[in-house]
Amino acid sequence: MSAATHSLTRKRPSGRTALLATLMLLVAVASAFPLAWMVLSSLKTPAETMQVPPVWIPRTPTLEAYEKVAGVINVGRSMWNSLVIASVTTAGILVTSMMAGYAFAKYSFPGRSLLFSLLIATMFLPPIVTLIPLYRMVGSIGLNASLAGIIVPNLANAFGIFLMRQFIAGVPDDLIDAARMDGASELLILFKIVAPSVAPAIAALALFAFVYHWNSYLWPLTVLQGNADAYPIVISLSRLLSYNRGAVNTGLVMAGATLAVLPPLILFVFLQRFFVDSIMGSAIKG
C-alpha cells in the first residue's frame, strides 16, 4: 500500500513543474495573441474596429474587408508570385544544401576546412552588404525586373549547407560504403539513402527557407524596379498602408495581413512534427 502511495506521489506534478507549465502557457498565449487579434479584426465591421473599449470577438463576422482587399490589389496574382518565389527558391536551397552538405560531411579534399570556415563566415554578413553587388550581377545577366532575378541569387544558402552538413555527418559511413559496393551512384546515395535519414532536418530547412523568402521585402522590391505585375504579396500589401490612417480601414489592413500569413502558417502546421524532431535530434547529438 505504501509503495502504491509512493508511486502516486512521484507522478503528482511538483510546484516547480506547475509553475513552468503556467509560464509556458502565458508565453504561448502572448505569442498567439497578435495573430488572433489580426484574424478577428479582419472579420469585424468598421464600427466594431473603432469601438472603445475594443470589441474582442466580432458580433457579426463579415468578409467585407477581404472583398475590399481584392479591389485594391490583385491578390491572386500577388499570391502566385510569392508562391513561385518561395517554392522555387526553397527547392533550390534544399538541393544545393544537401549536395554541398554531403560533400563537406563525407568527402575529404584539400581545403575542405578552409572552405567550410569561409562559408560559415558569410553567415555573419548583413544582407544589406550584399544588396548592391547582387543587384549589379542580376542586371548584368539581364534578370532585373523579373521573378528569376529574385530567385537565382538565393538558390544556395550558407545556413542550409551548414545545417545539412551537421546532420549528414551523423549518417553512418558503413551504410554509404555498402551502397557504393552495390553500384549506387553518389546522387542515388544522397537522395535515396542519406536524404531519408535526415528528413527532419530537410523539413526544418524547407520551413525556414519558405517563410523567409515568402516574407522577403527589400530584395524583391529592389530587383523588380516597379514591375507591379511581378510583385509578391508582401510588396503589394504596402499599398494598403495608405488605408491605415483611419480606424475605419483597420479591418482592410488586417484582412490583407491575414491573407499574407496564411500560406506559411499552413506549411508550418504540416511540417511542425518534422521541425520538432529536428530540434530534438540536434539536441541529442549536441
Protein backbone atom coordinates (compact mmCIF):
# COMPACT_ATOMS: atom_id res chain seq x y z
CA MET A 1 0.00 0.00 0.00
CA SER A 2 2.82 2.36 0.88
CA ALA A 3 4.57 1.54 -2.40
CA ALA A 4 1.44 2.43 -4.36
CA THR A 5 1.09 5.67 -2.43
CA HIS A 6 4.74 6.48 -3.10
CA SER A 7 4.21 5.82 -6.82
CA LEU A 8 1.22 8.16 -6.95
CA THR A 9 3.19 10.81 -5.09
CA ARG A 10 6.01 10.61 -7.61
CA LYS A 11 3.59 11.06 -10.55
CA ARG A 12 1.94 14.11 -9.00
CA PRO A 13 3.40 17.28 -10.59
CA SER A 14 5.57 19.36 -8.31
CA GLY A 15 5.09 23.07 -7.68
CA ARG A 16 8.08 23.89 -9.91
CA THR A 17 6.63 21.86 -12.78
CA ALA A 18 3.27 23.59 -12.44
CA LEU A 19 4.98 26.99 -12.41
CA LEU A 20 6.94 26.18 -15.57
CA ALA A 21 3.78 24.92 -17.27
CA THR A 22 1.97 28.14 -16.33
CA LEU A 23 4.83 30.28 -17.66
CA MET A 24 4.89 28.32 -20.92
CA LEU A 25 1.14 28.77 -21.28
CA LEU A 26 1.45 32.52 -20.73
CA VAL A 27 4.23 32.79 -23.30
CA ALA A 28 2.18 30.79 -25.80
CA VAL A 29 -0.87 33.00 -25.27
CA ALA A 30 1.21 36.17 -25.60
CA SER A 31 2.79 34.87 -28.81
CA ALA A 32 -0.53 33.86 -30.35
CA PHE A 33 -2.41 36.98 -29.32
CA PRO A 34 -1.27 39.26 -32.21
CA LEU A 35 -2.20 36.60 -34.76
CA ALA A 36 -5.60 36.00 -33.16
CA TRP A 37 -6.26 39.75 -32.93
CA MET A 38 -5.33 40.20 -36.60
CA VAL A 39 -7.72 37.48 -37.78
CA LEU A 40 -10.58 38.61 -35.54
CA SER A 41 -10.12 42.25 -36.56
CA SER A 42 -10.33 41.29 -40.22
CA LEU A 43 -13.81 39.87 -39.55
CA LYS A 44 -15.15 42.94 -37.72
CA THR A 45 -17.36 45.64 -39.15
CA PRO A 46 -15.86 49.17 -39.44
CA ALA A 47 -17.95 50.27 -36.46
CA GLU A 48 -16.55 47.46 -34.30
CA THR A 49 -12.94 48.29 -35.21
CA MET A 50 -13.46 51.87 -33.97
CA GLN A 51 -15.32 50.97 -30.80
CA VAL A 52 -13.81 51.91 -27.41
CA PRO A 53 -13.30 49.82 -25.35
CA PRO A 54 -12.32 47.40 -28.11
CA VAL A 55 -14.52 44.55 -29.22
CA TRP A 56 -12.57 41.33 -28.79
CA ILE A 57 -14.83 38.99 -30.75
CA PRO A 58 -16.89 40.31 -33.69
CA ARG A 59 -20.62 40.14 -33.00
CA THR A 60 -21.48 39.83 -36.69
CA PRO A 61 -18.46 38.38 -38.53
CA THR A 62 -18.18 39.62 -42.10
CA LEU A 63 -15.83 39.08 -45.08
CA GLU A 64 -16.36 42.61 -46.35
CA ALA A 65 -12.74 43.57 -45.61
CA TYR A 66 -11.45 40.70 -47.76
CA GLU A 67 -13.62 41.83 -50.65
CA LYS A 68 -12.19 45.33 -50.32
CA VAL A 69 -8.62 43.97 -50.37
CA ALA A 70 -9.35 42.22 -53.65
CA GLY A 71 -10.50 45.57 -55.03
CA VAL A 72 -7.31 47.39 -54.01
CA ILE A 73 -4.66 44.84 -55.06
CA ASN A 74 -4.51 41.84 -57.37
CA VAL A 75 -4.50 39.24 -54.62
CA GLY A 76 -4.43 36.17 -56.88
CA ARG A 77 -1.52 37.41 -58.98
CA SER A 78 0.48 38.57 -55.96
CA MET A 79 -0.07 35.31 -54.09
CA TRP A 80 1.01 33.35 -57.16
CA ASN A 81 4.19 35.44 -57.47
CA SER A 82 5.00 34.84 -53.82
CA LEU A 83 4.32 31.13 -54.19
CA VAL A 84 6.64 30.86 -57.20
CA ILE A 85 9.41 32.81 -55.49
CA ALA A 86 9.21 30.94 -52.18
CA SER A 87 8.68 27.45 -53.65
CA VAL A 88 11.36 27.56 -56.36
CA THR A 89 13.89 29.20 -54.05
CA THR A 90 13.19 26.66 -51.30
CA ALA A 91 13.57 23.75 -53.73
CA GLY A 92 16.88 25.15 -54.95
CA ILE A 93 18.15 25.65 -51.41
CA LEU A 94 17.24 22.09 -50.46
CA VAL A 95 19.04 20.58 -53.45
CA THR A 96 22.21 22.70 -53.19
CA SER A 97 22.34 22.40 -49.41
CA MET A 98 22.08 18.61 -49.48
CA MET A 99 24.70 18.25 -52.21
CA ALA A 100 27.18 20.66 -50.62
CA GLY A 101 26.46 19.36 -47.12
CA TYR A 102 27.07 15.80 -48.32
CA ALA A 103 30.38 16.81 -49.88
CA PHE A 104 31.55 18.61 -46.75
CA ALA A 105 30.43 15.78 -44.45
CA LYS A 106 31.54 12.68 -46.35
CA TYR A 107 34.37 13.72 -48.67
CA SER A 108 37.98 14.55 -47.81
CA PHE A 109 39.60 17.05 -50.15
CA PRO A 110 42.27 19.75 -49.85
CA GLY A 111 40.99 22.96 -48.33
CA ARG A 112 37.76 21.46 -47.01
CA SER A 113 38.11 23.03 -43.56
CA LEU A 114 39.08 26.42 -45.01
CA LEU A 115 36.16 26.43 -47.45
CA PHE A 116 33.72 25.46 -44.72
CA SER A 117 35.08 28.20 -42.45
CA LEU A 118 34.66 30.77 -45.22
CA LEU A 119 31.13 29.51 -45.77
CA ILE A 120 30.31 29.97 -42.09
CA ALA A 121 31.82 33.46 -42.19
CA THR A 122 29.35 34.53 -44.88
CA MET A 123 26.50 33.85 -42.47
CA PHE A 124 27.60 36.86 -40.43
CA LEU A 125 27.35 39.30 -43.33
CA PRO A 126 24.28 41.57 -43.07
CA PRO A 127 22.06 41.19 -46.18
CA ILE A 128 22.33 44.94 -46.88
CA VAL A 129 26.08 44.49 -47.53
CA THR A 130 25.48 42.15 -50.46
CA LEU A 131 22.45 44.02 -51.84
CA ILE A 132 24.27 46.27 -54.32
CA PRO A 133 26.73 43.62 -55.65
CA LEU A 134 23.91 41.13 -56.16
CA TYR A 135 21.78 43.75 -57.86
CA ARG A 136 24.59 44.57 -60.30
CA MET A 137 25.15 40.88 -61.01
CA VAL A 138 21.46 40.31 -61.70
CA GLY A 139 21.38 43.29 -64.03
CA SER A 140 24.49 42.15 -65.89
CA ILE A 141 22.84 38.86 -66.87
CA GLY A 142 19.54 40.51 -67.81
CA LEU A 143 17.36 39.21 -65.00
CA ASN A 144 16.35 42.52 -63.47
CA ALA A 145 12.63 43.33 -63.12
CA SER A 146 11.74 39.62 -63.20
CA LEU A 147 10.95 36.79 -60.80
CA ALA A 148 14.08 34.97 -61.99
CA GLY A 149 16.18 37.87 -60.76
CA ILE A 150 14.75 37.39 -57.27
CA ILE A 151 15.16 33.61 -57.28
CA VAL A 152 18.55 32.88 -58.88
CA PRO A 153 20.85 34.60 -56.31
CA ASN A 154 19.11 32.77 -53.46
CA LEU A 155 19.29 29.21 -54.80
CA ALA A 156 22.22 28.46 -52.46
CA ASN A 157 22.25 29.28 -48.77
CA ALA A 158 25.14 29.12 -46.30
CA PHE A 159 22.92 28.26 -43.34
CA GLY A 160 21.28 25.44 -45.30
CA ILE A 161 24.65 23.95 -46.23
CA PHE A 162 25.81 24.19 -42.62
CA LEU A 163 22.63 22.55 -41.31
CA MET A 164 22.75 19.70 -43.82
CA ARG A 165 26.45 19.11 -43.20
CA GLN A 166 25.87 18.76 -39.46
CA PHE A 167 23.06 16.21 -39.88
CA ILE A 168 24.59 14.26 -42.78
CA ALA A 169 27.78 13.85 -40.75
CA GLY A 170 25.73 11.66 -38.39
CA VAL A 171 24.74 9.19 -41.15
CA PRO A 172 26.86 6.01 -40.72
CA ASP A 173 29.72 5.70 -43.23
CA ASP A 174 29.15 1.94 -43.37
CA LEU A 175 25.69 2.50 -44.85
CA ILE A 176 27.11 4.71 -47.60
CA ASP A 177 30.01 2.34 -48.31
CA ALA A 178 27.60 -0.58 -48.63
CA ALA A 179 25.56 1.34 -51.19
CA ARG A 180 28.71 2.16 -53.16
CA MET A 181 29.71 -1.50 -53.20
CA ASP A 182 26.27 -2.30 -54.64
CA GLY A 183 27.00 0.08 -57.52
CA ALA A 184 24.85 3.03 -56.44
CA SER A 185 25.85 6.43 -57.77
CA GLU A 186 26.59 9.31 -55.43
CA LEU A 187 23.38 11.10 -56.38
CA LEU A 188 21.39 7.92 -55.75
CA ILE A 189 23.07 7.51 -52.36
CA LEU A 190 22.34 11.13 -51.48
CA PHE A 191 18.66 11.22 -52.42
CA LYS A 192 17.65 7.62 -51.69
CA ILE A 193 19.71 6.79 -48.60
CA VAL A 194 21.05 9.95 -46.97
CA ALA A 195 18.01 12.20 -47.52
CA PRO A 196 15.50 9.90 -45.76
CA SER A 197 17.91 9.66 -42.82
CA VAL A 198 17.92 13.43 -42.36
CA ALA A 199 14.26 14.07 -43.27
CA PRO A 200 13.51 16.15 -40.13
CA ALA A 201 16.40 18.50 -40.94
CA ILE A 202 15.22 18.81 -44.55
CA ALA A 203 11.71 19.67 -43.40
CA ALA A 204 13.03 22.26 -40.94
CA LEU A 205 15.20 23.85 -43.63
CA ALA A 206 12.27 23.90 -46.05
CA LEU A 207 10.14 25.67 -43.45
CA PHE A 208 12.83 28.25 -42.66
CA ALA A 209 13.55 28.95 -46.33
CA PHE A 210 9.92 29.16 -47.43
CA VAL A 211 8.88 31.53 -44.64
CA TYR A 212 11.95 33.75 -45.12
CA HIS A 213 11.54 34.14 -48.87
CA TRP A 214 7.75 34.45 -48.65
CA ASN A 215 8.22 37.43 -46.32
CA SER A 216 11.22 38.92 -48.15
CA TYR A 217 10.62 42.58 -48.99
CA LEU A 218 13.77 44.61 -49.72
CA TRP A 219 15.39 42.31 -52.29
CA PRO A 220 12.25 41.78 -54.45
CA LEU A 221 11.46 45.49 -54.27
CA THR A 222 14.99 46.33 -55.46
CA VAL A 223 15.05 43.82 -58.32
CA LEU A 224 11.54 44.36 -59.69
CA GLN A 225 12.05 48.12 -60.22
CA GLY A 226 8.36 48.99 -60.16
CA ASN A 227 7.16 45.98 -62.20
CA ALA A 228 3.86 45.72 -60.31
CA ASP A 229 2.74 42.61 -62.23
CA ALA A 230 5.57 40.65 -60.61
CA TYR A 231 5.09 42.00 -57.07
CA PRO A 232 4.79 39.34 -54.35
CA ILE A 233 2.02 39.68 -51.82
CA VAL A 234 4.24 41.34 -49.19
CA ILE A 235 5.06 44.25 -51.51
CA SER A 236 1.52 44.50 -52.83
CA LEU A 237 0.24 44.87 -49.29
CA SER A 238 2.27 48.06 -48.93
CA ARG A 239 -0.46 49.73 -50.98
CA LEU A 240 -2.78 49.17 -48.03
CA LEU A 241 -0.64 51.41 -45.81
CA SER A 242 -2.41 54.46 -47.19
CA TYR A 243 -5.64 52.99 -45.81
CA ASN A 244 -4.20 52.65 -42.32
CA ARG A 245 -4.64 56.32 -41.41
CA GLY A 246 -8.18 55.89 -40.18
CA ALA A 247 -9.51 53.28 -37.79
CA VAL A 248 -12.37 52.68 -40.18
CA ASN A 249 -9.95 50.87 -42.51
CA THR A 250 -8.30 48.73 -39.83
CA GLY A 251 -10.23 45.66 -40.97
CA LEU A 252 -8.94 46.14 -44.52
CA VAL A 253 -5.31 46.18 -43.38
CA MET A 254 -5.84 43.21 -41.08
CA ALA A 255 -7.51 41.22 -43.87
CA GLY A 256 -4.54 41.79 -46.17
CA ALA A 257 -2.10 40.76 -43.45
CA THR A 258 -4.14 37.61 -42.76
CA LEU A 259 -4.01 36.62 -46.43
CA ALA A 260 -0.24 37.08 -46.45
CA VAL A 261 0.37 34.98 -43.35
CA LEU A 262 -1.89 32.03 -44.22
CA PRO A 263 0.41 30.01 -46.59
CA PRO A 264 3.44 29.97 -44.23
CA LEU A 265 1.14 29.14 -41.33
CA ILE A 266 -0.41 26.21 -43.21
CA LEU A 267 3.05 24.95 -44.15
CA PHE A 268 4.15 25.11 -40.52
CA VAL A 269 1.12 23.08 -39.44
CA PHE A 270 2.08 20.31 -41.87
CA LEU A 271 5.81 20.36 -41.04
CA GLN A 272 5.75 21.07 -37.31
CA ARG A 273 6.29 17.41 -36.38
CA PHE A 274 9.45 17.24 -38.51
CA PHE A 275 10.54 20.62 -37.17
CA VAL A 276 10.31 19.41 -33.57
CA ASP A 277 12.07 16.15 -34.49
CA SER A 278 14.97 18.10 -35.99
CA ILE A 279 15.35 20.18 -32.82
CA MET A 280 15.27 17.07 -30.62
CA GLY A 281 17.75 15.30 -32.90
CA SER A 282 20.22 18.17 -32.82
CA ALA A 283 19.89 18.42 -29.04
CA ILE A 284 20.66 14.70 -28.63
CA LYS A 285 23.70 14.97 -30.93
CA GLY A 286 24.90 18.05 -29.09
